[in-house]
Amino acid sequence: MNSPSDLSFTESLKSTQRQHFYEGNRPIAIVMILIVFLAPLVGVMMRGVSGAVWGVVLSVFAYYLTPYVVFKWR
């Protein structure tokens, strides 16, 4: 497994990389669980069905991109 400093974007999208990241970073994993479940609900309350769609899109992007962003910031 590559170290975080030389992790490429495509490697960060692999399920094993995400699994290792979320297992090693429990606070971030908890925040991601909240985002995944609450973003569509907040979207529905604010904009209706279109807000729910944007909430789902936001939560999917956040789930997949968070490991890469955190590794690059560290």
Protein backbone atom coordinates (compact mmCIF):
# COMPACT_ATOMS: atom_id res chain seq x y z
CA MET A 1 0.00 0.00 0.00
CA ASN A 2 1.28 3.45 -0.89
CA SER A 3 2.06 6.02 1.72
CA PRO A 4 -0.37 8.96 1.85
CA SER A 5 2.17 11.38 0.37
CA ASP A 6 2.45 9.51 -2.95
CA LEU A 7 -1.20 8.45 -3.18
CA SER A 8 -2.65 9.32 -6.59
CA PHE A 9 -6.20 10.44 -7.14
CA THR A 10 -7.21 7.22 -8.92
CA GLU A 11 -5.67 5.09 -6.17
CA SER A 12 -7.61 7.02 -3.55
CA LEU A 13 -10.86 6.02 -5.27
CA LYS A 14 -10.25 2.31 -4.71
CA SER A 15 -12.45 0.72 -2.08
CA THR A 16 -9.52 -0.76 -0.12
CA GLN A 17 -7.90 2.66 0.23
CA ARG A 18 -11.18 4.21 1.42
CA GLN A 19 -11.75 1.36 3.85
CA HIS A 20 -8.29 1.74 5.39
CA PHE A 21 -8.73 5.50 5.59
CA TYR A 22 -12.12 5.39 7.31
CA GLU A 23 -11.04 2.60 9.67
CA GLY A 24 -8.00 4.63 10.73
CA ASN A 25 -9.88 7.94 11.05
CA ARG A 26 -12.98 7.25 13.13
CA PRO A 27 -13.94 10.92 13.76
CA ILE A 28 -13.89 11.64 10.03
CA ALA A 29 -15.89 8.47 9.38
CA ILE A 30 -18.56 9.59 11.84
CA VAL A 31 -18.79 13.00 10.19
CA MET A 32 -19.10 11.32 6.78
CA ILE A 33 -21.93 9.10 8.04
CA LEU A 34 -23.76 12.22 9.21
CA ILE A 35 -23.18 13.99 5.88
CA VAL A 36 -24.32 10.99 3.85
CA PHE A 37 -27.58 10.69 5.78
CA LEU A 38 -28.34 14.34 6.53
CA ALA A 39 -27.43 16.10 3.27
CA PRO A 40 -30.39 14.66 1.31
CA LEU A 41 -32.77 15.41 4.18
CA VAL A 42 -31.58 18.99 4.47
CA GLY A 43 -31.86 19.30 0.69
CA VAL A 44 -35.49 18.15 0.79
CA MET A 45 -36.33 20.64 3.53
CA MET A 46 -34.66 23.51 1.68
CA ARG A 47 -35.45 22.87 -1.99
CA GLY A 48 -37.69 19.83 -2.30
CA VAL A 49 -36.84 17.02 -4.68
CA SER A 50 -34.09 18.95 -6.47
CA GLY A 51 -32.48 19.63 -3.10
CA ALA A 52 -32.59 15.93 -2.29
CA VAL A 53 -30.78 15.17 -5.54
CA TRP A 54 -28.11 17.76 -4.77
CA GLY A 55 -27.80 16.37 -1.25
CA VAL A 56 -27.19 12.88 -2.60
CA VAL A 57 -24.63 14.17 -5.10
CA LEU A 58 -22.86 16.12 -2.36
CA SER A 59 -22.75 13.13 -0.04
CA VAL A 60 -21.38 10.80 -2.74
CA PHE A 61 -18.66 13.27 -3.72
CA ALA A 62 -17.75 13.85 -0.09
CA TYR A 63 -17.54 10.13 0.64
CA TYR A 64 -15.23 9.43 -2.29
CA LEU A 65 -13.08 12.59 -2.19
CA THR A 66 -12.50 13.00 1.55
CA PRO A 67 -9.67 10.42 1.81
CA TYR A 68 -7.76 12.04 -1.06
CA VAL A 69 -8.21 15.57 0.27
CA VAL A 70 -7.17 14.62 3.82
CA PHE A 71 -4.08 12.74 2.57
CA LYS A 72 -3.00 15.72 0.47
CA TRP A 73 -3.46 18.17 3.35
CA ARG A 74 -1.35 16.07 5.73
